[in-house]
Amino acid sequence: MAVPTRVLLLTLLLFPVVGMAQDEWAGDFFPELVEPLPAQGLIPARSQPDGPAPVVAWRFNWDTYQSLVVVSPAGKSRRSTAWVVTYDHDGEVAVAYRAVAFTDVQGVVHIDARRALMSGPMADDWSPDSFAFTADGMVSTIDDYHRANTGKVLEQIAGDTPAYRQVLAIAVATVRESS
């Protein structure tokens, strides 16, 4: 027996499904910890995309961590997928996640990881970091709580090299294995 569409819509309006209207991150986000955005300087992931990010990988140090960010080819889109793996001071994986990569009008490459789903042993105590890479090799970071940091690129790996294919495979496998 088919139920008329009107009856289904009226039922959904009168008796909403529990949990559908809830924010899926509500239990993991603590607004009281959010700091104001920096008043000046480069803020990662807050610029408008002007084009896809270059197919490249970076290794860089920041705070007490070392991260590997690998940008996948974008195709015809203005955005690419980036794979982020952050290692602790002992060289062990701390967190891994996917993000969105793009280039802004000034040529700065942004890795937008806001609200990224993270995996890894420190995922429960981590807020995903977004990054901005400038031509002079500096990296700016900011997490979902607006805590900012800076770092320096140690290595840039061009997308047309065997080394790039190797770090892409490592990053993708780490993100997928940790999930």
N, C-alpha and C. Protein backbone atom coordinates (compact mmCIF):
# COMPACT_ATOMS: atom_id res chain seq x y z
N MET A 1 0.85 -1.17 0.00
CA MET A 1 0.00 0.00 0.00
C MET A 1 0.89 1.23 0.00
N ALA A 2 0.71 2.07 -0.96
CA ALA A 2 1.51 3.28 -1.09
C ALA A 2 0.98 4.38 -0.17
N VAL A 3 1.90 5.12 0.46
CA VAL A 3 1.53 6.22 1.34
C VAL A 3 1.64 7.51 0.52
N PRO A 4 0.58 8.32 0.50
CA PRO A 4 0.66 9.56 -0.27
C PRO A 4 1.78 10.47 0.24
N THR A 5 2.39 11.21 -0.68
CA THR A 5 3.50 12.10 -0.36
C THR A 5 3.11 13.12 0.69
N ARG A 6 1.89 13.66 0.61
CA ARG A 6 1.44 14.66 1.58
C ARG A 6 1.46 14.10 3.00
N VAL A 7 1.06 12.86 3.15
CA VAL A 7 1.04 12.24 4.47
C VAL A 7 2.46 12.10 5.01
N LEU A 8 3.39 11.70 4.17
CA LEU A 8 4.79 11.57 4.60
C LEU A 8 5.37 12.91 5.01
N LEU A 9 5.15 13.95 4.21
CA LEU A 9 5.67 15.27 4.54
C LEU A 9 5.06 15.81 5.82
N LEU A 10 3.76 15.64 5.98
CA LEU A 10 3.09 16.10 7.19
C LEU A 10 3.62 15.36 8.42
N THR A 11 3.87 14.07 8.28
CA THR A 11 4.41 13.28 9.39
C THR A 11 5.80 13.78 9.78
N LEU A 12 6.65 14.06 8.79
CA LEU A 12 7.99 14.56 9.08
C LEU A 12 7.95 15.94 9.74
N LEU A 13 7.01 16.77 9.33
CA LEU A 13 6.89 18.10 9.94
C LEU A 13 6.41 18.02 11.38
N LEU A 14 5.47 17.13 11.64
CA LEU A 14 4.90 17.02 12.99
C LEU A 14 5.77 16.21 13.94
N PHE A 15 6.47 15.23 13.41
CA PHE A 15 7.28 14.34 14.24
C PHE A 15 8.69 14.24 13.66
N PRO A 16 9.51 15.26 13.89
CA PRO A 16 10.86 15.25 13.30
C PRO A 16 11.68 14.05 13.80
N VAL A 17 12.54 13.58 12.92
CA VAL A 17 13.41 12.46 13.26
C VAL A 17 14.44 12.95 14.28
N VAL A 18 14.56 12.27 15.39
CA VAL A 18 15.49 12.67 16.44
C VAL A 18 16.91 12.64 15.91
N GLY A 19 17.65 13.71 16.14
CA GLY A 19 19.06 13.78 15.76
C GLY A 19 19.32 14.38 14.40
N MET A 20 18.32 14.47 13.54
CA MET A 20 18.57 14.99 12.21
C MET A 20 18.93 16.47 12.23
N ALA A 21 18.40 17.21 13.17
CA ALA A 21 18.67 18.64 13.21
C ALA A 21 19.88 18.98 14.07
N GLN A 22 20.51 17.97 14.64
CA GLN A 22 21.65 18.23 15.50
C GLN A 22 22.91 18.42 14.69
N ASP A 23 23.79 19.28 15.19
CA ASP A 23 25.08 19.49 14.56
C ASP A 23 25.94 18.28 14.87
N GLU A 24 26.46 17.63 13.83
CA GLU A 24 27.22 16.41 14.05
C GLU A 24 28.53 16.65 14.81
N TRP A 25 28.99 17.90 14.89
CA TRP A 25 30.20 18.22 15.61
C TRP A 25 29.91 18.81 16.99
N ALA A 26 28.65 18.91 17.34
CA ALA A 26 28.28 19.62 18.57
C ALA A 26 29.01 19.06 19.80
N GLY A 27 29.22 17.77 19.88
CA GLY A 27 29.87 17.19 21.04
C GLY A 27 31.37 17.36 21.04
N ASP A 28 31.96 17.70 19.89
CA ASP A 28 33.41 17.78 19.78
C ASP A 28 33.95 19.21 19.73
N PHE A 29 33.09 20.20 19.71
CA PHE A 29 33.53 21.57 19.55
C PHE A 29 33.22 22.35 20.82
N PHE A 30 34.21 23.08 21.31
CA PHE A 30 34.05 23.81 22.55
C PHE A 30 34.19 25.30 22.28
N PRO A 31 33.07 26.01 22.09
CA PRO A 31 33.14 27.43 21.72
C PRO A 31 33.94 28.29 22.70
N GLU A 32 33.97 27.92 23.95
CA GLU A 32 34.69 28.73 24.93
C GLU A 32 36.21 28.70 24.70
N LEU A 33 36.69 27.76 23.90
CA LEU A 33 38.12 27.67 23.60
C LEU A 33 38.52 28.45 22.35
N VAL A 34 37.53 28.94 21.61
CA VAL A 34 37.82 29.64 20.36
C VAL A 34 38.44 31.01 20.65
N GLU A 35 39.58 31.24 20.07
CA GLU A 35 40.26 32.53 20.18
C GLU A 35 39.83 33.40 19.02
N PRO A 36 39.95 34.74 19.14
CA PRO A 36 39.63 35.58 17.99
C PRO A 36 40.61 35.33 16.85
N LEU A 37 40.13 35.53 15.62
CA LEU A 37 41.04 35.41 14.47
C LEU A 37 42.13 36.47 14.59
N PRO A 38 43.33 36.16 14.11
CA PRO A 38 44.38 37.18 14.15
C PRO A 38 43.94 38.45 13.44
N ALA A 39 44.30 39.59 13.99
CA ALA A 39 43.88 40.88 13.43
C ALA A 39 44.64 41.23 12.15
N GLN A 40 45.82 40.66 11.99
CA GLN A 40 46.60 40.98 10.80
C GLN A 40 47.36 39.75 10.35
N GLY A 41 47.93 39.84 9.18
CA GLY A 41 48.72 38.74 8.64
C GLY A 41 47.88 37.77 7.83
N LEU A 42 48.56 36.77 7.34
CA LEU A 42 47.94 35.76 6.50
C LEU A 42 47.15 34.78 7.36
N ILE A 43 45.90 34.56 7.01
CA ILE A 43 45.07 33.59 7.74
C ILE A 43 44.75 32.45 6.79
N PRO A 44 45.30 31.27 7.04
CA PRO A 44 45.09 30.13 6.15
C PRO A 44 43.62 29.81 5.94
N ALA A 45 43.28 29.43 4.73
CA ALA A 45 41.96 28.93 4.33
C ALA A 45 40.87 29.99 4.35
N ARG A 46 41.20 31.26 4.53
CA ARG A 46 40.17 32.29 4.60
C ARG A 46 40.08 33.13 3.32
N SER A 47 40.98 32.90 2.36
CA SER A 47 40.93 33.63 1.09
C SER A 47 40.01 32.92 0.11
N GLN A 48 39.60 33.62 -0.92
CA GLN A 48 38.77 33.03 -1.96
C GLN A 48 39.65 32.25 -2.93
N PRO A 49 39.21 31.06 -3.34
CA PRO A 49 39.98 30.30 -4.33
C PRO A 49 40.00 31.02 -5.68
N ASP A 50 41.19 31.06 -6.27
CA ASP A 50 41.34 31.64 -7.60
C ASP A 50 41.66 30.55 -8.61
N GLY A 51 42.18 29.45 -8.12
CA GLY A 51 42.53 28.33 -8.99
C GLY A 51 42.99 27.15 -8.16
N PRO A 52 43.22 26.04 -8.82
CA PRO A 52 43.67 24.86 -8.08
C PRO A 52 45.09 25.04 -7.55
N ALA A 53 45.40 24.32 -6.52
CA ALA A 53 46.76 24.32 -5.98
C ALA A 53 47.66 23.53 -6.92
N PRO A 54 48.94 23.85 -6.93
CA PRO A 54 49.86 23.05 -7.76
C PRO A 54 49.97 21.63 -7.21
N VAL A 55 50.27 20.72 -8.09
CA VAL A 55 50.48 19.33 -7.68
C VAL A 55 51.88 19.26 -7.10
N VAL A 56 51.94 19.20 -5.77
CA VAL A 56 53.21 19.30 -5.06
C VAL A 56 53.05 18.69 -3.68
N ALA A 57 54.16 18.41 -3.05
CA ALA A 57 54.16 17.95 -1.65
C ALA A 57 55.16 18.80 -0.88
N TRP A 58 54.84 19.04 0.38
CA TRP A 58 55.73 19.79 1.26
C TRP A 58 55.95 19.02 2.54
N ARG A 59 57.18 19.07 3.03
CA ARG A 59 57.50 18.66 4.40
C ARG A 59 57.91 19.94 5.11
N PHE A 60 57.41 20.12 6.32
CA PHE A 60 57.74 21.35 7.04
C PHE A 60 57.63 21.12 8.54
N ASN A 61 58.39 21.92 9.27
CA ASN A 61 58.35 21.91 10.73
C ASN A 61 57.50 23.07 11.21
N TRP A 62 56.78 22.85 12.28
CA TRP A 62 56.04 23.91 12.96
C TRP A 62 55.79 23.43 14.38
N ASP A 63 55.85 24.35 15.31
CA ASP A 63 55.73 24.00 16.73
C ASP A 63 56.69 22.84 17.01
N THR A 64 56.21 21.76 17.60
CA THR A 64 57.08 20.60 17.85
C THR A 64 56.76 19.46 16.89
N TYR A 65 56.13 19.77 15.77
CA TYR A 65 55.67 18.74 14.84
C TYR A 65 56.33 18.90 13.48
N GLN A 66 56.26 17.83 12.70
CA GLN A 66 56.62 17.89 11.30
C GLN A 66 55.43 17.36 10.52
N SER A 67 55.05 18.07 9.48
CA SER A 67 53.90 17.66 8.67
C SER A 67 54.32 17.38 7.24
N LEU A 68 53.56 16.51 6.62
CA LEU A 68 53.65 16.21 5.20
C LEU A 68 52.29 16.58 4.62
N VAL A 69 52.28 17.49 3.65
CA VAL A 69 51.05 17.85 2.94
C VAL A 69 51.27 17.53 1.47
N VAL A 70 50.37 16.73 0.90
CA VAL A 70 50.49 16.32 -0.49
C VAL A 70 49.21 16.74 -1.21
N VAL A 71 49.36 17.52 -2.27
CA VAL A 71 48.21 17.98 -3.06
C VAL A 71 48.05 17.07 -4.27
N SER A 72 46.85 16.53 -4.43
CA SER A 72 46.53 15.68 -5.58
C SER A 72 46.16 16.54 -6.78
N PRO A 73 46.27 15.99 -7.99
CA PRO A 73 45.84 16.73 -9.17
C PRO A 73 44.36 17.10 -9.07
N ALA A 74 44.00 18.31 -9.56
CA ALA A 74 42.64 18.82 -9.40
C ALA A 74 41.72 18.52 -10.56
N GLY A 75 42.25 18.20 -11.69
CA GLY A 75 41.39 18.10 -12.86
C GLY A 75 40.99 19.49 -13.31
N LYS A 76 39.71 19.73 -13.56
CA LYS A 76 39.25 21.03 -14.03
C LYS A 76 38.68 21.90 -12.92
N SER A 77 38.77 21.45 -11.70
CA SER A 77 38.19 22.17 -10.56
C SER A 77 39.11 23.29 -10.07
N ARG A 78 38.56 24.21 -9.29
CA ARG A 78 39.36 25.25 -8.64
C ARG A 78 39.94 24.75 -7.33
N ARG A 79 39.57 23.57 -6.94
CA ARG A 79 40.03 23.01 -5.66
C ARG A 79 40.58 21.61 -5.89
N SER A 80 41.53 21.25 -5.04
CA SER A 80 42.15 19.93 -5.10
C SER A 80 41.98 19.26 -3.74
N THR A 81 42.30 18.00 -3.70
CA THR A 81 42.35 17.29 -2.43
C THR A 81 43.78 17.34 -1.91
N ALA A 82 43.92 17.61 -0.62
CA ALA A 82 45.23 17.57 0.03
C ALA A 82 45.19 16.50 1.11
N TRP A 83 46.27 15.82 1.26
CA TRP A 83 46.41 14.78 2.27
C TRP A 83 47.41 15.29 3.30
N VAL A 84 47.01 15.34 4.55
CA VAL A 84 47.84 15.92 5.62
C VAL A 84 48.18 14.82 6.62
N VAL A 85 49.47 14.67 6.89
CA VAL A 85 49.94 13.75 7.92
C VAL A 85 50.89 14.53 8.82
N THR A 86 50.59 14.58 10.10
CA THR A 86 51.44 15.29 11.06
C THR A 86 52.07 14.26 12.00
N TYR A 87 53.37 14.42 12.17
CA TYR A 87 54.17 13.51 12.99
C TYR A 87 54.59 14.22 14.28
N ASP A 88 54.68 13.46 15.37
CA ASP A 88 55.15 14.04 16.62
C ASP A 88 56.68 14.13 16.62
N HIS A 89 57.26 14.58 17.72
CA HIS A 89 58.72 14.79 17.78
C HIS A 89 59.51 13.48 17.71
N ASP A 90 58.84 12.33 17.88
CA ASP A 90 59.50 11.04 17.76
C ASP A 90 59.36 10.45 16.36
N GLY A 91 58.70 11.18 15.46
CA GLY A 91 58.52 10.69 14.10
C GLY A 91 57.34 9.76 13.93
N GLU A 92 56.50 9.66 14.95
CA GLU A 92 55.31 8.80 14.88
C GLU A 92 54.12 9.63 14.40
N VAL A 93 53.20 9.00 13.68
CA VAL A 93 52.01 9.70 13.21
C VAL A 93 51.21 10.19 14.41
N ALA A 94 50.89 11.48 14.41
CA ALA A 94 50.02 12.06 15.44
C ALA A 94 48.58 12.10 14.94
N VAL A 95 48.39 12.73 13.76
CA VAL A 95 47.07 12.80 13.14
C VAL A 95 47.23 12.74 11.62
N ALA A 96 46.14 12.38 10.96
CA ALA A 96 46.10 12.36 9.50
C ALA A 96 44.68 12.72 9.07
N TYR A 97 44.58 13.50 7.98
CA TYR A 97 43.26 13.90 7.51
C TYR A 97 43.34 14.43 6.08
N ARG A 98 42.18 14.51 5.45
CA ARG A 98 42.05 15.10 4.12
C ARG A 98 41.64 16.55 4.27
N ALA A 99 42.00 17.36 3.30
CA ALA A 99 41.65 18.77 3.29
C ALA A 99 41.42 19.20 1.85
N VAL A 100 41.07 20.47 1.69
CA VAL A 100 40.86 21.06 0.37
C VAL A 100 42.00 22.03 0.09
N ALA A 101 42.55 21.97 -1.11
CA ALA A 101 43.68 22.84 -1.48
C ALA A 101 43.26 23.76 -2.62
N PHE A 102 43.74 25.00 -2.55
CA PHE A 102 43.51 25.96 -3.63
C PHE A 102 44.56 27.05 -3.58
N THR A 103 44.64 27.83 -4.66
CA THR A 103 45.53 28.98 -4.74
C THR A 103 44.68 30.23 -4.76
N ASP A 104 45.09 31.24 -3.99
CA ASP A 104 44.33 32.51 -3.99
C ASP A 104 44.89 33.45 -5.06
N VAL A 105 44.31 34.63 -5.17
CA VAL A 105 44.68 35.58 -6.21
C VAL A 105 46.13 36.06 -6.08
N GLN A 106 46.71 36.02 -4.86
CA GLN A 106 48.11 36.42 -4.68
C GLN A 106 49.09 35.27 -4.94
N GLY A 107 48.58 34.09 -5.26
CA GLY A 107 49.45 32.94 -5.50
C GLY A 107 49.78 32.13 -4.27
N VAL A 108 49.16 32.46 -3.14
CA VAL A 108 49.38 31.70 -1.91
C VAL A 108 48.56 30.42 -1.99
N VAL A 109 49.19 29.30 -1.64
CA VAL A 109 48.50 28.01 -1.64
C VAL A 109 47.90 27.79 -0.25
N HIS A 110 46.60 27.54 -0.21
CA HIS A 110 45.88 27.31 1.04
C HIS A 110 45.46 25.85 1.14
N ILE A 111 45.59 25.30 2.33
CA ILE A 111 45.09 23.97 2.64
C ILE A 111 43.99 24.18 3.69
N ASP A 112 42.75 23.99 3.29
CA ASP A 112 41.60 24.26 4.15
C ASP A 112 41.15 22.95 4.80
N ALA A 113 41.44 22.84 6.09
CA ALA A 113 41.09 21.63 6.83
C ALA A 113 40.03 21.88 7.89
N ARG A 114 39.33 23.00 7.78
CA ARG A 114 38.30 23.30 8.78
C ARG A 114 37.30 22.15 8.87
N ARG A 115 37.09 21.71 10.10
CA ARG A 115 36.16 20.62 10.43
C ARG A 115 36.49 19.31 9.73
N ALA A 116 37.76 19.09 9.43
CA ALA A 116 38.17 17.83 8.79
C ALA A 116 37.96 16.67 9.75
N LEU A 117 37.65 15.53 9.19
CA LEU A 117 37.56 14.30 9.97
C LEU A 117 38.97 13.77 10.13
N MET A 118 39.38 13.61 11.37
CA MET A 118 40.77 13.23 11.63
C MET A 118 40.86 11.80 12.14
N SER A 119 42.04 11.25 11.96
CA SER A 119 42.34 9.94 12.51
C SER A 119 43.76 9.99 13.05
N GLY A 120 44.13 8.95 13.75
CA GLY A 120 45.46 8.89 14.34
C GLY A 120 45.38 8.92 15.85
N PRO A 121 46.48 8.57 16.51
CA PRO A 121 46.47 8.44 17.97
C PRO A 121 46.18 9.73 18.73
N MET A 122 46.41 10.90 18.14
CA MET A 122 46.14 12.15 18.84
C MET A 122 44.87 12.85 18.35
N ALA A 123 44.08 12.18 17.53
CA ALA A 123 42.91 12.80 16.90
C ALA A 123 41.91 13.33 17.92
N ASP A 124 41.72 12.64 19.02
CA ASP A 124 40.74 13.08 20.01
C ASP A 124 41.15 14.37 20.71
N ASP A 125 42.44 14.68 20.71
CA ASP A 125 42.94 15.87 21.39
C ASP A 125 43.45 16.93 20.41
N TRP A 126 43.04 16.86 19.15
CA TRP A 126 43.59 17.70 18.10
C TRP A 126 42.48 18.46 17.41
N SER A 127 42.77 19.65 17.00
CA SER A 127 41.88 20.42 16.13
C SER A 127 42.58 20.52 14.79
N PRO A 128 41.88 20.21 13.68
CA PRO A 128 42.57 20.18 12.39
C PRO A 128 43.19 21.53 12.03
N ASP A 129 44.40 21.47 11.52
CA ASP A 129 45.12 22.67 11.13
C ASP A 129 44.97 22.93 9.65
N SER A 130 44.69 24.19 9.32
CA SER A 130 44.73 24.65 7.93
C SER A 130 46.07 25.33 7.73
N PHE A 131 46.56 25.36 6.49
CA PHE A 131 47.88 25.88 6.21
C PHE A 131 47.84 26.86 5.04
N ALA A 132 48.80 27.76 5.01
CA ALA A 132 49.02 28.64 3.86
C ALA A 132 50.51 28.64 3.57
N PHE A 133 50.86 28.35 2.32
CA PHE A 133 52.26 28.29 1.88
C PHE A 133 52.56 29.49 1.01
N THR A 134 53.59 30.23 1.36
CA THR A 134 53.98 31.40 0.57
C THR A 134 55.23 31.07 -0.24
N ALA A 135 55.52 31.89 -1.23
CA ALA A 135 56.63 31.65 -2.15
C ALA A 135 57.98 31.65 -1.45
N ASP A 136 58.10 32.33 -0.30
CA ASP A 136 59.38 32.39 0.41
C ASP A 136 59.62 31.18 1.32
N GLY A 137 58.74 30.17 1.26
CA GLY A 137 58.94 28.95 2.04
C GLY A 137 58.39 29.00 3.45
N MET A 138 57.63 30.03 3.77
CA MET A 138 57.01 30.11 5.08
C MET A 138 55.64 29.43 5.05
N VAL A 139 55.26 28.88 6.20
CA VAL A 139 53.96 28.23 6.36
C VAL A 139 53.25 28.88 7.53
N SER A 140 52.02 29.28 7.32
CA SER A 140 51.17 29.76 8.41
C SER A 140 50.14 28.69 8.70
N THR A 141 49.84 28.49 9.97
CA THR A 141 48.84 27.49 10.36
C THR A 141 47.79 28.15 11.24
N ILE A 142 46.60 27.57 11.21
CA ILE A 142 45.55 27.97 12.14
C ILE A 142 44.60 26.78 12.29
N ASP A 143 44.16 26.53 13.52
CA ASP A 143 43.25 25.41 13.73
C ASP A 143 41.83 25.92 13.89
N ASP A 144 40.90 25.01 14.15
CA ASP A 144 39.49 25.39 14.26
C ASP A 144 39.20 26.25 15.49
N TYR A 145 40.13 26.31 16.41
CA TYR A 145 39.98 27.19 17.58
C TYR A 145 40.71 28.52 17.39
N HIS A 146 41.21 28.74 16.18
CA HIS A 146 41.92 29.97 15.77
C HIS A 146 43.29 30.11 16.42
N ARG A 147 43.86 29.02 16.90
CA ARG A 147 45.23 29.06 17.41
C ARG A 147 46.16 29.02 16.22
N ALA A 148 47.01 30.03 16.12
CA ALA A 148 47.86 30.19 14.95
C ALA A 148 49.31 29.84 15.27
N ASN A 149 50.06 29.50 14.23
CA ASN A 149 51.46 29.16 14.36
C ASN A 149 52.12 29.41 13.01
N THR A 150 53.44 29.31 12.97
CA THR A 150 54.16 29.43 11.71
C THR A 150 55.21 28.33 11.63
N GLY A 151 55.68 28.10 10.44
CA GLY A 151 56.71 27.10 10.23
C GLY A 151 57.50 27.41 8.98
N LYS A 152 58.44 26.54 8.68
CA LYS A 152 59.33 26.71 7.53
C LYS A 152 59.36 25.42 6.72
N VAL A 153 59.21 25.56 5.41
CA VAL A 153 59.26 24.41 4.52
C VAL A 153 60.67 23.83 4.52
N LEU A 154 60.76 22.53 4.75
CA LEU A 154 62.04 21.82 4.69
C LEU A 154 62.30 21.25 3.30
N GLU A 155 61.22 20.82 2.66
CA GLU A 155 61.35 20.16 1.36
C GLU A 155 60.08 20.39 0.55
N GLN A 156 60.26 20.71 -0.72
CA GLN A 156 59.14 20.81 -1.66
C GLN A 156 59.40 19.80 -2.76
N ILE A 157 58.41 18.96 -3.03
CA ILE A 157 58.56 17.87 -3.98
C ILE A 157 57.61 18.10 -5.15
N ALA A 158 58.14 18.29 -6.32
CA ALA A 158 57.34 18.55 -7.52
C ALA A 158 56.50 17.33 -7.88
N GLY A 159 55.31 17.61 -8.42
CA GLY A 159 54.35 16.55 -8.73
C GLY A 159 54.71 15.65 -9.88
N ASP A 160 55.75 15.98 -10.64
CA ASP A 160 56.13 15.16 -11.78
C ASP A 160 57.34 14.28 -11.49
N THR A 161 57.60 14.02 -10.22
CA THR A 161 58.77 13.23 -9.84
C THR A 161 58.35 11.91 -9.18
N PRO A 162 59.22 10.91 -9.23
CA PRO A 162 58.94 9.66 -8.52
C PRO A 162 58.79 9.87 -7.00
N ALA A 163 59.54 10.82 -6.46
CA ALA A 163 59.44 11.10 -5.01
C ALA A 163 58.04 11.57 -4.65
N TYR A 164 57.41 12.37 -5.52
CA TYR A 164 56.04 12.83 -5.27
C TYR A 164 55.09 11.63 -5.23
N ARG A 165 55.20 10.75 -6.21
CA ARG A 165 54.31 9.59 -6.24
C ARG A 165 54.48 8.75 -4.98
N GLN A 166 55.69 8.67 -4.47
CA GLN A 166 55.94 7.90 -3.25
C GLN A 166 55.29 8.57 -2.03
N VAL A 167 55.47 9.89 -1.86
CA VAL A 167 54.88 10.55 -0.68
C VAL A 167 53.36 10.63 -0.81
N LEU A 168 52.83 10.72 -2.04
CA LEU A 168 51.38 10.69 -2.22
C LEU A 168 50.83 9.34 -1.75
N ALA A 169 51.48 8.26 -2.14
CA ALA A 169 51.04 6.93 -1.72
C ALA A 169 51.11 6.79 -0.20
N ILE A 170 52.18 7.31 0.40
CA ILE A 170 52.33 7.24 1.86
C ILE A 170 51.22 8.05 2.55
N ALA A 171 50.98 9.26 2.07
CA ALA A 171 49.97 10.12 2.71
C ALA A 171 48.57 9.52 2.57
N VAL A 172 48.21 9.09 1.38
CA VAL A 172 46.88 8.50 1.16
C VAL A 172 46.71 7.25 2.01
N ALA A 173 47.71 6.39 2.02
CA ALA A 173 47.62 5.16 2.82
C ALA A 173 47.53 5.48 4.31
N THR A 174 48.28 6.47 4.76
CA THR A 174 48.24 6.82 6.20
C THR A 174 46.88 7.36 6.59
N VAL A 175 46.32 8.25 5.78
CA VAL A 175 45.00 8.79 6.09
C VAL A 175 43.96 7.68 6.07
N ARG A 176 43.99 6.85 5.08
CA ARG A 176 43.00 5.76 4.97
C ARG A 176 43.21 4.69 6.03
N GLU A 177 44.44 4.35 6.32
CA GLU A 177 44.72 3.32 7.32
C GLU A 177 44.34 3.77 8.71
N SER A 178 44.55 5.06 8.97
CA SER A 178 44.24 5.58 10.30
C SER A 178 42.75 5.81 10.50
N SER A 179 41.98 5.89 9.40
CA SER A 179 40.54 6.18 9.54
C SER A 179 39.76 4.99 10.00
